[in-house]
Amino acid sequence: RAQGNADHAAFLGAGLSEYRNITFSTCEPGQEDWLLEAEALKLDQEEGLGTARHAKLRFLGVPLLYAPRFTFPLDDRRRSGLLVPTYGFSDNTGFDLSVPYYLNLAPDYDLTLTPRLMSKRGVMLGSEFRFLTESTEGELAAEFLPRDSEYEGGNKQRGSASLNTRTRFNRRTDAELRLNYVSDKDYL
């Protein structure tokens, strides 16, 4: 269901192509509720990367996002980089924005760091380390809020940590470990 247009396309060989003035959508032709536009697009199949210049995301004709340069994966290869930000609003946190950054450290472990801005509480840093061995997989996660402006006068350090692992010793013997810690009983 994907469709798009380009004013110019050049196939440069070895899985490399370039396009000018492109549009792309998965909506029905003529009913593009959302539309991605870019002045230039380069696709490198060997590297598994696409790079768009002066990209805009429009919804119902209204521009929502702009990126002077935007790189994205073309396949399932793992790469370090920014993940999709999340945002919201609640009575507990106020405006809430998280911008995760994924680090592909090795084929068997990775790390995601997530700064989080909460207008009512302050800035929090979250992390998740995942690992995999022949018999064990697991996650170590932690969050730290140096000063929670909504809790006990605003100077309380708060946080949490957890370790979850699953190990298979043989066909009939498994083990799970779950350790959790929170700084206080009212933690977020």
Protein backbone atom coordinates (compact mmCIF):
# COMPACT_ATOMS: atom_id res chain seq x y z
CA ARG A 1 0.00 0.00 0.00
CA ALA A 2 2.99 2.35 -0.21
CA GLN A 3 3.14 4.91 -2.99
CA GLY A 4 5.42 7.80 -3.86
CA ASN A 5 6.75 10.11 -6.53
CA ALA A 6 10.10 11.63 -7.47
CA ASP A 7 10.98 14.33 -10.01
CA HIS A 8 14.30 12.59 -10.72
CA ALA A 9 15.68 9.10 -10.03
CA ALA A 10 19.25 7.91 -10.62
CA PHE A 11 20.32 4.29 -10.19
CA LEU A 12 24.06 4.40 -9.55
CA GLY A 13 24.75 0.66 -9.33
CA ALA A 14 25.82 -1.55 -6.41
CA GLY A 15 22.52 -0.98 -4.61
CA LEU A 16 22.89 2.82 -4.61
CA SER A 17 20.14 5.16 -5.84
CA GLU A 18 19.32 8.87 -5.50
CA TYR A 19 16.03 10.74 -5.85
CA ARG A 20 15.03 14.42 -5.98
CA ASN A 21 11.82 16.07 -4.75
CA ILE A 22 10.15 12.95 -3.42
CA THR A 23 6.83 12.27 -1.74
CA PHE A 24 5.87 9.05 0.06
CA SER A 25 2.69 7.82 1.77
CA THR A 26 0.88 4.59 2.63
CA CYS A 27 -2.52 6.28 2.20
CA GLU A 28 -4.74 5.67 -0.83
CA PRO A 29 -3.70 7.75 -3.88
CA GLY A 30 -5.45 11.12 -3.76
CA GLN A 31 -6.22 10.73 -0.04
CA GLU A 32 -2.79 11.31 1.51
CA ASP A 33 -3.77 12.10 5.11
CA TRP A 34 -0.11 11.82 5.99
CA LEU A 35 2.71 12.55 3.55
CA LEU A 36 6.48 12.47 3.80
CA GLU A 37 8.34 14.92 1.53
CA ALA A 38 12.08 15.41 0.96
CA GLU A 39 14.23 17.49 -1.38
CA ALA A 40 16.70 14.63 -1.80
CA LEU A 41 16.82 10.95 -0.89
CA LYS A 42 19.76 8.53 -1.12
CA LEU A 43 19.22 4.77 -0.64
CA ASP A 44 22.25 2.55 -0.01
CA GLN A 45 21.13 -1.11 0.00
CA GLU A 46 24.64 -2.43 0.83
CA GLU A 47 24.86 -0.30 3.99
CA GLY A 48 21.13 -0.71 4.66
CA LEU A 49 20.67 3.05 5.13
CA GLY A 50 18.51 5.75 3.62
CA THR A 51 19.31 9.45 3.98
CA ALA A 52 16.78 12.20 3.33
CA ARG A 53 17.62 15.92 3.15
CA HIS A 54 15.12 18.64 4.04
CA ALA A 55 12.43 16.13 5.02
CA LYS A 56 8.94 17.18 6.15
CA LEU A 57 6.14 15.12 7.61
CA ARG A 58 2.68 16.50 6.86
CA PHE A 59 -0.63 15.43 8.37
CA LEU A 60 -3.80 16.62 6.60
CA GLY A 61 -1.60 19.11 4.74
CA VAL A 62 -0.17 20.63 7.93
CA PRO A 63 3.63 20.28 8.40
CA LEU A 64 4.30 18.54 11.74
CA LEU A 65 8.02 17.72 11.65
CA TYR A 66 11.06 18.99 9.75
CA ALA A 67 14.53 17.47 9.61
CA PRO A 68 17.40 19.05 7.65
CA ARG A 69 19.00 15.57 7.46
CA PHE A 70 17.34 12.32 8.43
CA THR A 71 18.95 8.85 8.30
CA PHE A 72 16.84 5.70 8.61
CA PRO A 73 17.36 1.91 8.27
CA LEU A 74 16.30 0.01 5.15
CA ASP A 75 16.55 -3.44 6.73
CA ASP A 76 16.73 -5.20 10.09
CA ARG A 77 20.40 -4.50 10.88
CA ARG A 78 20.82 -3.03 14.36
CA ARG A 79 22.31 0.47 14.52
CA SER A 80 22.96 3.05 17.21
CA GLY A 81 20.84 6.19 17.09
CA LEU A 82 17.82 8.11 18.31
CA LEU A 83 14.58 6.20 18.71
CA VAL A 84 11.11 7.68 18.34
CA PRO A 85 10.48 10.24 21.10
CA THR A 86 7.36 9.96 23.23
CA TYR A 87 5.40 12.79 24.77
CA GLY A 88 2.27 13.23 26.82
CA PHE A 89 0.65 15.07 29.66
CA SER A 90 -0.72 13.90 33.01
CA ASP A 91 -1.66 15.37 36.37
CA ASN A 92 1.23 13.43 37.93
CA THR A 93 4.08 14.54 35.61
CA GLY A 94 2.78 17.55 33.65
CA PHE A 95 4.20 17.73 30.13
CA ASP A 96 6.27 14.58 29.70
CA LEU A 97 8.91 14.13 26.95
CA SER A 98 11.27 11.15 26.57
CA VAL A 99 13.98 10.95 23.87
CA PRO A 100 15.62 7.48 23.86
CA TYR A 101 19.06 6.84 22.35
CA TYR A 102 19.92 3.24 21.41
CA LEU A 103 23.55 2.05 21.53
CA ASN A 104 24.32 -1.14 19.62
CA LEU A 105 27.37 -2.19 21.65
CA ALA A 106 27.83 -5.78 20.39
CA PRO A 107 25.76 -8.57 18.82
CA ASP A 108 24.91 -9.91 22.31
CA TYR A 109 24.33 -6.73 24.32
CA ASP A 110 22.96 -3.20 23.90
CA LEU A 111 22.07 -0.13 25.94
CA THR A 112 19.25 2.40 25.68
CA LEU A 113 19.62 5.74 27.49
CA THR A 114 16.44 7.79 27.91
CA PRO A 115 16.49 11.37 29.17
CA ARG A 116 12.99 12.32 30.31
CA LEU A 117 11.69 15.83 30.96
CA MET A 118 8.64 16.14 33.22
CA SER A 119 7.47 19.72 33.70
CA LYS A 120 6.10 19.02 37.21
CA ARG A 121 8.90 16.80 38.51
CA GLY A 122 12.16 17.60 36.71
CA VAL A 123 14.64 15.73 34.54
CA MET A 124 15.07 11.97 34.89
CA LEU A 125 17.59 9.65 33.26
CA GLY A 126 16.54 6.11 32.44
CA SER A 127 18.65 3.26 31.11
CA GLU A 128 18.12 -0.31 29.95
CA PHE A 129 21.01 -2.74 29.38
CA ARG A 130 20.08 -6.00 27.61
CA PHE A 131 22.37 -9.03 27.33
CA LEU A 132 22.26 -12.48 25.80
CA THR A 133 24.51 -15.52 26.26
CA GLU A 134 24.10 -19.12 25.08
CA SER A 135 21.96 -19.95 28.10
CA THR A 136 20.90 -16.62 29.64
CA GLU A 137 19.08 -13.49 28.56
CA GLY A 138 18.38 -10.52 30.75
CA GLU A 139 17.73 -6.84 31.29
CA LEU A 140 19.15 -4.42 33.83
CA ALA A 141 17.13 -1.20 34.03
CA ALA A 142 17.45 1.91 36.18
CA GLU A 143 15.92 5.38 36.50
CA PHE A 144 17.27 8.33 38.48
CA LEU A 145 15.46 11.57 39.33
CA PRO A 146 17.96 13.81 41.18
CA ARG A 147 15.34 16.26 42.54
CA ASP A 148 11.64 15.53 42.36
CA SER A 149 10.03 18.97 42.61
CA GLU A 150 6.66 17.42 43.52
CA TYR A 151 7.87 15.19 46.37
CA GLU A 152 8.83 16.16 49.96
CA GLY A 153 9.87 19.75 49.31
CA GLY A 154 11.47 19.06 45.95
CA ASN A 155 14.91 17.92 47.14
CA LYS A 156 14.37 14.17 47.35
CA GLN A 157 16.47 11.94 45.10
CA ARG A 158 14.32 9.16 43.71
CA GLY A 159 14.89 6.20 41.47
CA SER A 160 14.42 2.57 40.69
CA ALA A 161 16.45 -0.40 39.49
CA SER A 162 15.54 -3.87 38.29
CA LEU A 163 17.32 -7.00 37.10
CA ASN A 164 15.41 -9.69 35.22
CA THR A 165 17.17 -12.79 33.87
CA ARG A 166 16.08 -16.08 32.37
CA THR A 167 18.50 -19.03 32.21
CA ARG A 168 18.00 -22.42 30.60
CA PHE A 169 20.33 -25.03 32.10
CA ASN A 170 19.00 -27.93 30.00
CA ARG A 171 15.74 -29.05 28.36
CA ARG A 172 14.00 -29.53 31.70
CA THR A 173 15.62 -26.94 33.98
CA ASP A 174 15.03 -23.19 33.77
CA ALA A 175 15.53 -20.38 36.24
CA GLU A 176 14.30 -16.81 36.46
CA LEU A 177 15.66 -14.03 38.62
CA ARG A 178 13.70 -10.85 39.29
CA LEU A 179 15.15 -8.19 41.56
CA ASN A 180 13.46 -4.83 41.96
CA TYR A 181 14.31 -1.72 43.96
CA VAL A 182 12.52 1.62 44.39
CA SER A 183 13.74 4.53 46.49
CA ASP A 184 10.43 4.97 48.31
CA LYS A 185 6.92 3.50 48.52
CA ASP A 186 5.42 6.37 46.48
CA TYR A 187 7.83 6.12 43.55
CA LEU A 188 6.36 7.07 40.18
